[in-house]
Amino acid sequence: MKVEFKKYGTSLGTRETGKEIRKTILENLKNEEDIIFDFDGVSILSNSFADEVFGKLIGCISFEKFKEKTKFQNINGAVKTVILKAINDSI
């Protein structure tokens, strides 16, 4: 499964949107699908959005499974920094 974040906007900031995306990801992980996070066209995201998607996702599936089943594409430095903070805060 490929999650194309740009379909949610170029600037992502709400926990509500993050929760919606996380639920979709979890459903696909139950089917043992690998997940590709594609950030093409996304310039910025908030800490709360990243926490809702990535921090809480790791809380649900474990960091080891996260590393095994996910891959990032087209991610800029600013977005990467925010996501890494959410991941580090969750583990």
PDB file of N, CA and C in Angstrom:
ATOM      1  N   MET A   1       0.846  -1.174   0.000  1.00  0.00           N
ATOM      2  CA  MET A   1       0.000   0.000   0.000  1.00  0.00           C
ATOM      3  C   MET A   1       0.889   1.233   0.000  1.00  0.00           C
ATOM      4  N   LYS A   2       0.518   2.196  -0.792  1.00  0.00           N
ATOM      5  CA  LYS A   2       1.226   3.473  -0.823  1.00  0.00           C
ATOM      6  C   LYS A   2       0.318   4.545  -0.251  1.00  0.00           C
ATOM      7  N   VAL A   3       0.808   5.234   0.780  1.00  0.00           N
ATOM      8  CA  VAL A   3       0.077   6.349   1.367  1.00  0.00           C
ATOM      9  C   VAL A   3       0.631   7.626   0.732  1.00  0.00           C
ATOM     10  N   GLU A   4      -0.168   8.255  -0.111  1.00  0.00           N
ATOM     11  CA  GLU A   4       0.237   9.492  -0.765  1.00  0.00           C
ATOM     12  C   GLU A   4      -0.290  10.661   0.062  1.00  0.00           C
ATOM     13  N   PHE A   5       0.582  11.215   0.878  1.00  0.00           N
ATOM     14  CA  PHE A   5       0.172  12.246   1.821  1.00  0.00           C
ATOM     15  C   PHE A   5      -0.301  13.518   1.144  1.00  0.00           C
ATOM     16  N   LYS A   6       0.142  13.785  -0.080  1.00  0.00           N
ATOM     17  CA  LYS A   6      -0.276  15.036  -0.743  1.00  0.00           C
ATOM     18  C   LYS A   6      -1.773  15.077  -1.008  1.00  0.00           C
ATOM     19  N   LYS A   7      -2.428  13.913  -1.033  1.00  0.00           N
ATOM     20  CA  LYS A   7      -3.884  13.951  -1.248  1.00  0.00           C
ATOM     21  C   LYS A   7      -4.610  14.532  -0.035  1.00  0.00           C
ATOM     22  N   TYR A   8      -3.901  14.640   1.085  1.00  0.00           N
ATOM     23  CA  TYR A   8      -4.472  15.258   2.290  1.00  0.00           C
ATOM     24  C   TYR A   8      -4.057  16.727   2.411  1.00  0.00           C
ATOM     25  N   GLY A   9      -3.111  17.165   1.557  1.00  0.00           N
ATOM     26  CA  GLY A   9      -2.661  18.548   1.562  1.00  0.00           C
ATOM     27  C   GLY A   9      -1.149  18.651   1.490  1.00  0.00           C
ATOM     28  N   THR A  10      -0.665  19.849   1.215  1.00  0.00           N
ATOM     29  CA  THR A  10       0.783  20.068   1.154  1.00  0.00           C
ATOM     30  C   THR A  10       1.342  20.484   2.512  1.00  0.00           C
ATOM     31  N   SER A  11       0.456  20.918   3.387  1.00  0.00           N
ATOM     32  CA  SER A  11       0.814  21.273   4.756  1.00  0.00           C
ATOM     33  C   SER A  11      -0.152  20.519   5.672  1.00  0.00           C
ATOM     34  N   LEU A  12       0.377  19.554   6.410  1.00  0.00           N
ATOM     35  CA  LEU A  12      -0.474  18.664   7.203  1.00  0.00           C
ATOM     36  C   LEU A  12      -0.333  19.000   8.679  1.00  0.00           C
ATOM     37  N   GLY A  13      -1.471  19.221   9.345  1.00  0.00           N
ATOM     38  CA  GLY A  13      -1.352  19.680  10.704  1.00  0.00           C
ATOM     39  C   GLY A  13      -2.354  19.169  11.716  1.00  0.00           C
ATOM     40  N   THR A  14      -3.440  18.549  11.298  1.00  0.00           N
ATOM     41  CA  THR A  14      -4.453  18.204  12.282  1.00  0.00           C
ATOM     42  C   THR A  14      -4.328  16.760  12.768  1.00  0.00           C
ATOM     43  N   ARG A  15      -4.632  16.585  14.032  1.00  0.00           N
ATOM     44  CA  ARG A  15      -4.648  15.236  14.603  1.00  0.00           C
ATOM     45  C   ARG A  15      -5.756  14.396  13.974  1.00  0.00           C
ATOM     46  N   GLU A  16      -6.853  15.035  13.623  1.00  0.00           N
ATOM     47  CA  GLU A  16      -7.976  14.298  13.027  1.00  0.00           C
ATOM     48  C   GLU A  16      -7.570  13.631  11.722  1.00  0.00           C
ATOM     49  N   THR A  17      -6.874  14.365  10.863  1.00  0.00           N
ATOM     50  CA  THR A  17      -6.398  13.792   9.610  1.00  0.00           C
ATOM     51  C   THR A  17      -5.376  12.697   9.889  1.00  0.00           C
ATOM     52  N   GLY A  18      -4.493  12.944  10.832  1.00  0.00           N
ATOM     53  CA  GLY A  18      -3.496  11.942  11.207  1.00  0.00           C
ATOM     54  C   GLY A  18      -4.127  10.657  11.707  1.00  0.00           C
ATOM     55  N   LYS A  19      -5.175  10.778  12.497  1.00  0.00           N
ATOM     56  CA  LYS A  19      -5.875   9.605  13.028  1.00  0.00           C
ATOM     57  C   LYS A  19      -6.506   8.799  11.899  1.00  0.00           C
ATOM     58  N   GLU A  20      -7.112   9.490  10.939  1.00  0.00           N
ATOM     59  CA  GLU A  20      -7.729   8.835   9.784  1.00  0.00           C
ATOM     60  C   GLU A  20      -6.682   8.032   8.991  1.00  0.00           C
ATOM     61  N   ILE A  21      -5.536   8.647   8.768  1.00  0.00           N
ATOM     62  CA  ILE A  21      -4.469   7.985   8.020  1.00  0.00           C
ATOM     63  C   ILE A  21      -3.934   6.782   8.801  1.00  0.00           C
ATOM     64  N   ARG A  22      -3.723   6.959  10.108  1.00  0.00           N
ATOM     65  CA  ARG A  22      -3.204   5.852  10.936  1.00  0.00           C
ATOM     66  C   ARG A  22      -4.148   4.653  10.907  1.00  0.00           C
ATOM     67  N   LYS A  23      -5.455   4.896  10.984  1.00  0.00           N
ATOM     68  CA  LYS A  23      -6.422   3.788  10.937  1.00  0.00           C
ATOM     69  C   LYS A  23      -6.325   3.019   9.628  1.00  0.00           C
ATOM     70  N   THR A  24      -6.173   3.728   8.526  1.00  0.00           N
ATOM     71  CA  THR A  24      -6.020   3.080   7.218  1.00  0.00           C
ATOM     72  C   THR A  24      -4.745   2.248   7.175  1.00  0.00           C
ATOM     73  N   ILE A  25      -3.679   2.787   7.705  1.00  0.00           N
ATOM     74  CA  ILE A  25      -2.404   2.066   7.733  1.00  0.00           C
ATOM     75  C   ILE A  25      -2.530   0.795   8.557  1.00  0.00           C
ATOM     76  N   LEU A  26      -3.137   0.897   9.724  1.00  0.00           N
ATOM     77  CA  LEU A  26      -3.290  -0.279  10.595  1.00  0.00           C
ATOM     78  C   LEU A  26      -4.128  -1.371   9.931  1.00  0.00           C
ATOM     79  N   GLU A  27      -5.160  -0.988   9.224  1.00  0.00           N
ATOM     80  CA  GLU A  27      -5.985  -1.977   8.519  1.00  0.00           C
ATOM     81  C   GLU A  27      -5.159  -2.747   7.502  1.00  0.00           C
ATOM     82  N   ASN A  28      -4.302  -2.031   6.785  1.00  0.00           N
ATOM     83  CA  ASN A  28      -3.473  -2.679   5.771  1.00  0.00           C
ATOM     84  C   ASN A  28      -2.361  -3.511   6.389  1.00  0.00           C
ATOM     85  N   LEU A  29      -1.856  -3.096   7.528  1.00  0.00           N
ATOM     86  CA  LEU A  29      -0.837  -3.888   8.203  1.00  0.00           C
ATOM     87  C   LEU A  29      -1.413  -5.200   8.729  1.00  0.00           C
ATOM     88  N   LYS A  30      -2.688  -5.198   9.092  1.00  0.00           N
ATOM     89  CA  LYS A  30      -3.339  -6.442   9.525  1.00  0.00           C
ATOM     90  C   LYS A  30      -3.326  -7.475   8.404  1.00  0.00           C
ATOM     91  N   ASN A  31      -3.343  -7.005   7.168  1.00  0.00           N
ATOM     92  CA  ASN A  31      -3.288  -7.888   6.006  1.00  0.00           C
ATOM     93  C   ASN A  31      -1.848  -8.186   5.593  1.00  0.00           C
ATOM     94  N   GLU A  32      -0.913  -7.810   6.463  1.00  0.00           N
ATOM     95  CA  GLU A  32       0.519  -8.040   6.235  1.00  0.00           C
ATOM     96  C   GLU A  32       1.068  -7.295   5.026  1.00  0.00           C
ATOM     97  N   GLU A  33       0.408  -6.228   4.620  1.00  0.00           N
ATOM     98  CA  GLU A  33       0.914  -5.422   3.510  1.00  0.00           C
ATOM     99  C   GLU A  33       2.059  -4.536   3.985  1.00  0.00           C
ATOM    100  N   ASP A  34       3.050  -4.344   3.112  1.00  0.00           N
ATOM    101  CA  ASP A  34       4.079  -3.347   3.363  1.00  0.00           C
ATOM    102  C   ASP A  34       3.483  -1.979   3.042  1.00  0.00           C
ATOM    103  N   ILE A  35       3.975  -0.953   3.715  1.00  0.00           N
ATOM    104  CA  ILE A  35       3.439   0.393   3.558  1.00  0.00           C
ATOM    105  C   ILE A  35       4.554   1.314   3.055  1.00  0.00           C
ATOM    106  N   ILE A  36       4.264   2.080   2.020  1.00  0.00           N
ATOM    107  CA  ILE A  36       5.179   3.109   1.526  1.00  0.00           C
ATOM    108  C   ILE A  36       4.557   4.457   1.848  1.00  0.00           C
ATOM    109  N   PHE A  37       5.301   5.270   2.583  1.00  0.00           N
ATOM    110  CA  PHE A  37       4.865   6.629   2.913  1.00  0.00           C
ATOM    111  C   PHE A  37       5.472   7.568   1.878  1.00  0.00           C
ATOM    112  N   ASP A  38       4.652   8.133   1.009  1.00  0.00           N
ATOM    113  CA  ASP A  38       5.117   9.011  -0.059  1.00  0.00           C
ATOM    114  C   ASP A  38       4.767  10.456   0.287  1.00  0.00           C
ATOM    115  N   PHE A  39       5.809  11.262   0.465  1.00  0.00           N
ATOM    116  CA  PHE A  39       5.618  12.663   0.842  1.00  0.00           C
ATOM    117  C   PHE A  39       5.855  13.625  -0.310  1.00  0.00           C
ATOM    118  N   ASP A  40       5.774  13.141  -1.533  1.00  0.00           N
ATOM    119  CA  ASP A  40       5.910  14.008  -2.698  1.00  0.00           C
ATOM    120  C   ASP A  40       4.872  15.124  -2.627  1.00  0.00           C
ATOM    121  N   GLY A  41       5.334  16.367  -2.726  1.00  0.00           N
ATOM    122  CA  GLY A  41       4.421  17.503  -2.700  1.00  0.00           C
ATOM    123  C   GLY A  41       4.071  18.023  -1.322  1.00  0.00           C
ATOM    124  N   VAL A  42       4.531  17.351  -0.259  1.00  0.00           N
ATOM    125  CA  VAL A  42       4.258  17.811   1.110  1.00  0.00           C
ATOM    126  C   VAL A  42       5.452  18.621   1.586  1.00  0.00           C
ATOM    127  N   SER A  43       5.199  19.868   1.967  1.00  0.00           N
ATOM    128  CA  SER A  43       6.296  20.740   2.369  1.00  0.00           C
ATOM    129  C   SER A  43       6.497  20.793   3.872  1.00  0.00           C
ATOM    130  N   ILE A  44       5.435  20.588   4.643  1.00  0.00           N
ATOM    131  CA  ILE A  44       5.556  20.703   6.096  1.00  0.00           C
ATOM    132  C   ILE A  44       4.444  19.907   6.776  1.00  0.00           C
ATOM    133  N   LEU A  45       4.733  19.437   7.972  1.00  0.00           N
ATOM    134  CA  LEU A  45       3.689  18.837   8.796  1.00  0.00           C
ATOM    135  C   LEU A  45       3.952  19.170  10.254  1.00  0.00           C
ATOM    136  N   SER A  46       2.897  19.167  11.023  1.00  0.00           N
ATOM    137  CA  SER A  46       3.004  19.565  12.426  1.00  0.00           C
ATOM    138  C   SER A  46       3.453  18.401  13.293  1.00  0.00           C
ATOM    139  N   ASN A  47       3.958  18.750  14.470  1.00  0.00           N
ATOM    140  CA  ASN A  47       4.344  17.728  15.438  1.00  0.00           C
ATOM    141  C   ASN A  47       3.143  16.882  15.843  1.00  0.00           C
ATOM    142  N   SER A  48       1.987  17.506  16.011  1.00  0.00           N
ATOM    143  CA  SER A  48       0.804  16.748  16.436  1.00  0.00           C
ATOM    144  C   SER A  48       0.341  15.781  15.346  1.00  0.00           C
ATOM    145  N   PHE A  49       0.435  16.170  14.089  1.00  0.00           N
ATOM    146  CA  PHE A  49       0.083  15.275  12.987  1.00  0.00           C
ATOM    147  C   PHE A  49       1.041  14.083  12.967  1.00  0.00           C
ATOM    148  N   ALA A  50       2.334  14.361  13.050  1.00  0.00           N
ATOM    149  CA  ALA A  50       3.340  13.292  13.028  1.00  0.00           C
ATOM    150  C   ALA A  50       3.169  12.351  14.212  1.00  0.00           C
ATOM    151  N   ASP A  51       2.871  12.900  15.373  1.00  0.00           N
ATOM    152  CA  ASP A  51       2.645  12.057  16.547  1.00  0.00           C
ATOM    153  C   ASP A  51       1.424  11.167  16.344  1.00  0.00           C
ATOM    154  N   GLU A  52       0.368  11.731  15.806  1.00  0.00           N
ATOM    155  CA  GLU A  52      -0.871  10.973  15.600  1.00  0.00           C
ATOM    156  C   GLU A  52      -0.674   9.831  14.608  1.00  0.00           C
ATOM    157  N   VAL A  53       0.084  10.069  13.556  1.00  0.00           N
ATOM    158  CA  VAL A  53       0.318   9.013  12.567  1.00  0.00           C
ATOM    159  C   VAL A  53       1.423   8.073  13.028  1.00  0.00           C
ATOM    160  N   PHE A  54       2.615   8.599  13.231  1.00  0.00           N
ATOM    161  CA  PHE A  54       3.794   7.752  13.416  1.00  0.00           C
ATOM    162  C   PHE A  54       4.035   7.354  14.865  1.00  0.00           C
ATOM    163  N   GLY A  55       3.911   8.299  15.777  1.00  0.00           N
ATOM    164  CA  GLY A  55       4.115   7.973  17.185  1.00  0.00           C
ATOM    165  C   GLY A  55       3.114   6.945  17.680  1.00  0.00           C
ATOM    166  N   LYS A  56       1.848   7.178  17.405  1.00  0.00           N
ATOM    167  CA  LYS A  56       0.806   6.258  17.861  1.00  0.00           C
ATOM    168  C   LYS A  56       0.813   4.955  17.070  1.00  0.00           C
ATOM    169  N   LEU A  57       1.233   5.011  15.812  1.00  0.00           N
ATOM    170  CA  LEU A  57       1.357   3.789  15.020  1.00  0.00           C
ATOM    171  C   LEU A  57       2.378   2.847  15.651  1.00  0.00           C
ATOM    172  N   ILE A  58       3.508   3.390  16.041  1.00  0.00           N
ATOM    173  CA  ILE A  58       4.536   2.564  16.685  1.00  0.00           C
ATOM    174  C   ILE A  58       4.028   2.020  18.014  1.00  0.00           C
ATOM    175  N   GLY A  59       3.226   2.801  18.716  1.00  0.00           N
ATOM    176  CA  GLY A  59       2.620   2.319  19.952  1.00  0.00           C
ATOM    177  C   GLY A  59       1.694   1.138  19.720  1.00  0.00           C
ATOM    178  N   CYS A  60       1.122   1.046  18.527  1.00  0.00           N
ATOM    179  CA  CYS A  60       0.207  -0.049  18.197  1.00  0.00           C
ATOM    180  C   CYS A  60       0.913  -1.295  17.673  1.00  0.00           C
ATOM    181  N   ILE A  61       2.006  -1.112  16.938  1.00  0.00           N
ATOM    182  CA  ILE A  61       2.594  -2.260  16.243  1.00  0.00           C
ATOM    183  C   ILE A  61       4.010  -2.618  16.654  1.00  0.00           C
ATOM    184  N   SER A  62       4.715  -1.800  17.380  1.00  0.00           N
ATOM    185  CA  SER A  62       6.119  -1.943  17.797  1.00  0.00           C
ATOM    186  C   SER A  62       7.053  -1.319  16.762  1.00  0.00           C
ATOM    187  N   PHE A  63       8.154  -0.832  17.263  1.00  0.00           N
ATOM    188  CA  PHE A  63       9.149  -0.181  16.415  1.00  0.00           C
ATOM    189  C   PHE A  63       9.761  -1.183  15.436  1.00  0.00           C
ATOM    190  N   GLU A  64       9.969  -2.409  15.878  1.00  0.00           N
ATOM    191  CA  GLU A  64      10.568  -3.428  15.016  1.00  0.00           C
ATOM    192  C   GLU A  64       9.693  -3.712  13.799  1.00  0.00           C
ATOM    193  N   LYS A  65       8.401  -3.875  14.022  1.00  0.00           N
ATOM    194  CA  LYS A  65       7.492  -4.123  12.895  1.00  0.00           C
ATOM    195  C   LYS A  65       7.410  -2.894  12.004  1.00  0.00           C
ATOM    196  N   PHE A  66       7.429  -1.706  12.601  1.00  0.00           N
ATOM    197  CA  PHE A  66       7.417  -0.463  11.831  1.00  0.00           C
ATOM    198  C   PHE A  66       8.599  -0.431  10.869  1.00  0.00           C
ATOM    199  N   LYS A  67       9.790  -0.741  11.372  1.00  0.00           N
ATOM    200  CA  LYS A  67      10.992  -0.738  10.523  1.00  0.00           C
ATOM    201  C   LYS A  67      10.894  -1.792   9.421  1.00  0.00           C
ATOM    202  N   GLU A  68      10.346  -2.924   9.753  1.00  0.00           N
ATOM    203  CA  GLU A  68      10.257  -4.035   8.808  1.00  0.00           C
ATOM    204  C   GLU A  68       9.237  -3.800   7.699  1.00  0.00           C
ATOM    205  N   LYS A  69       8.110  -3.178   8.026  1.00  0.00           N
ATOM    206  CA  LYS A  69       6.973  -3.101   7.102  1.00  0.00           C
ATOM    207  C   LYS A  69       6.792  -1.756   6.402  1.00  0.00           C
ATOM    208  N   THR A  70       7.623  -0.741   6.732  1.00  0.00           N
ATOM    209  CA  THR A  70       7.397   0.579   6.152  1.00  0.00           C
ATOM    210  C   THR A  70       8.636   1.116   5.441  1.00  0.00           C
ATOM    211  N   LYS A  71       8.378   2.041   4.516  1.00  0.00           N
ATOM    212  CA  LYS A  71       9.433   2.701   3.750  1.00  0.00           C
ATOM    213  C   LYS A  71       8.972   4.121   3.453  1.00  0.00           C
ATOM    214  N   PHE A  72       9.917   5.053   3.451  1.00  0.00           N
ATOM    215  CA  PHE A  72       9.618   6.455   3.166  1.00  0.00           C
ATOM    216  C   PHE A  72      10.141   6.833   1.785  1.00  0.00           C
ATOM    217  N   GLN A  73       9.367   7.663   1.067  1.00  0.00           N
ATOM    218  CA  GLN A  73       9.765   8.179  -0.240  1.00  0.00           C
ATOM    219  C   GLN A  73       9.524   9.676  -0.302  1.00  0.00           C
ATOM    220  N   ASN A  74      10.372  10.360  -1.078  1.00  0.00           N
ATOM    221  CA  ASN A  74      10.173  11.780  -1.413  1.00  0.00           C
ATOM    222  C   ASN A  74       9.974  12.652  -0.179  1.00  0.00           C
ATOM    223  N   ILE A  75      10.803  12.457   0.822  1.00  0.00           N
ATOM    224  CA  ILE A  75      10.647  13.191   2.075  1.00  0.00           C
ATOM    225  C   ILE A  75      11.716  14.279   2.170  1.00  0.00           C
ATOM    226  N   ASN A  76      11.290  15.506   2.468  1.00  0.00           N
ATOM    227  CA  ASN A  76      12.264  16.588   2.609  1.00  0.00           C
ATOM    228  C   ASN A  76      12.801  16.640   4.043  1.00  0.00           C
ATOM    229  N   GLY A  77      13.821  17.429   4.251  1.00  0.00           N
ATOM    230  CA  GLY A  77      14.487  17.500   5.548  1.00  0.00           C
ATOM    231  C   GLY A  77      13.598  17.959   6.683  1.00  0.00           C
ATOM    232  N   ALA A  78      12.754  18.949   6.441  1.00  0.00           N
ATOM    233  CA  ALA A  78      11.878  19.469   7.500  1.00  0.00           C
ATOM    234  C   ALA A  78      10.868  18.422   7.936  1.00  0.00           C
ATOM    235  N   VAL A  79      10.267  17.743   6.975  1.00  0.00           N
ATOM    236  CA  VAL A  79       9.277  16.707   7.278  1.00  0.00           C
ATOM    237  C   VAL A  79       9.951  15.538   7.997  1.00  0.00           C
ATOM    238  N   LYS A  80      11.117  15.161   7.522  1.00  0.00           N
ATOM    239  CA  LYS A  80      11.863  14.058   8.130  1.00  0.00           C
ATOM    240  C   LYS A  80      12.178  14.345   9.595  1.00  0.00           C
ATOM    241  N   THR A  81      12.596  15.561   9.891  1.00  0.00           N
ATOM    242  CA  THR A  81      12.931  15.945  11.264  1.00  0.00           C
ATOM    243  C   THR A  81      11.730  15.804  12.189  1.00  0.00           C
ATOM    244  N   VAL A  82      10.570  16.257  11.742  1.00  0.00           N
ATOM    245  CA  VAL A  82       9.351  16.179  12.560  1.00  0.00           C
ATOM    246  C   VAL A  82       8.947  14.721  12.789  1.00  0.00           C
ATOM    247  N   ILE A  83       9.044  13.911  11.751  1.00  0.00           N
ATOM    248  CA  ILE A  83       8.682  12.494  11.884  1.00  0.00           C
ATOM    249  C   ILE A  83       9.651  11.770  12.813  1.00  0.00           C
ATOM    250  N   LEU A  84      10.937  12.035  12.667  1.00  0.00           N
ATOM    251  CA  LEU A  84      11.916  11.394  13.549  1.00  0.00           C
ATOM    252  C   LEU A  84      11.688  11.759  15.009  1.00  0.00           C
ATOM    253  N   LYS A  85      11.303  13.002  15.275  1.00  0.00           N
ATOM    254  CA  LYS A  85      10.997  13.403  16.652  1.00  0.00           C
ATOM    255  C   LYS A  85       9.809  12.616  17.179  1.00  0.00           C
ATOM    256  N   ALA A  86       8.754  12.476  16.375  1.00  0.00           N
ATOM    257  CA  ALA A  86       7.572  11.710  16.804  1.00  0.00           C
ATOM    258  C   ALA A  86       7.934  10.253  17.081  1.00  0.00           C
ATOM    259  N   ILE A  87       8.765   9.687  16.224  1.00  0.00           N
ATOM    260  CA  ILE A  87       9.183   8.288  16.414  1.00  0.00           C
ATOM    261  C   ILE A  87      10.027   8.159  17.667  1.00  0.00           C
ATOM    262  N   ASN A  88      11.002   9.037  17.837  1.00  0.00           N
ATOM    263  CA  ASN A  88      11.869   8.969  19.020  1.00  0.00           C
ATOM    264  C   ASN A  88      11.099   9.179  20.307  1.00  0.00           C
ATOM    265  N   ASP A  89      10.123  10.061  20.283  1.00  0.00           N
ATOM    266  CA  ASP A  89       9.306  10.293  21.484  1.00  0.00           C
ATOM    267  C   ASP A  89       8.454   9.079  21.839  1.00  0.00           C
ATOM    268  N   SER A  90       8.140   8.259  20.843  1.00  0.00           N
ATOM    269  CA  SER A  90       7.272   7.112  21.099  1.00  0.00           C
ATOM    270  C   SER A  90       8.026   5.869  21.569  1.00  0.00           C
ATOM    271  N   ILE A  91       9.332   5.844  21.336  1.00  0.00           N
ATOM    272  CA  ILE A  91      10.090   4.637  21.735  1.00  0.00           C
ATOM    273  C   ILE A  91      10.962   4.830  22.942  1.00  0.00           C
TER     274      ILE A  91
END
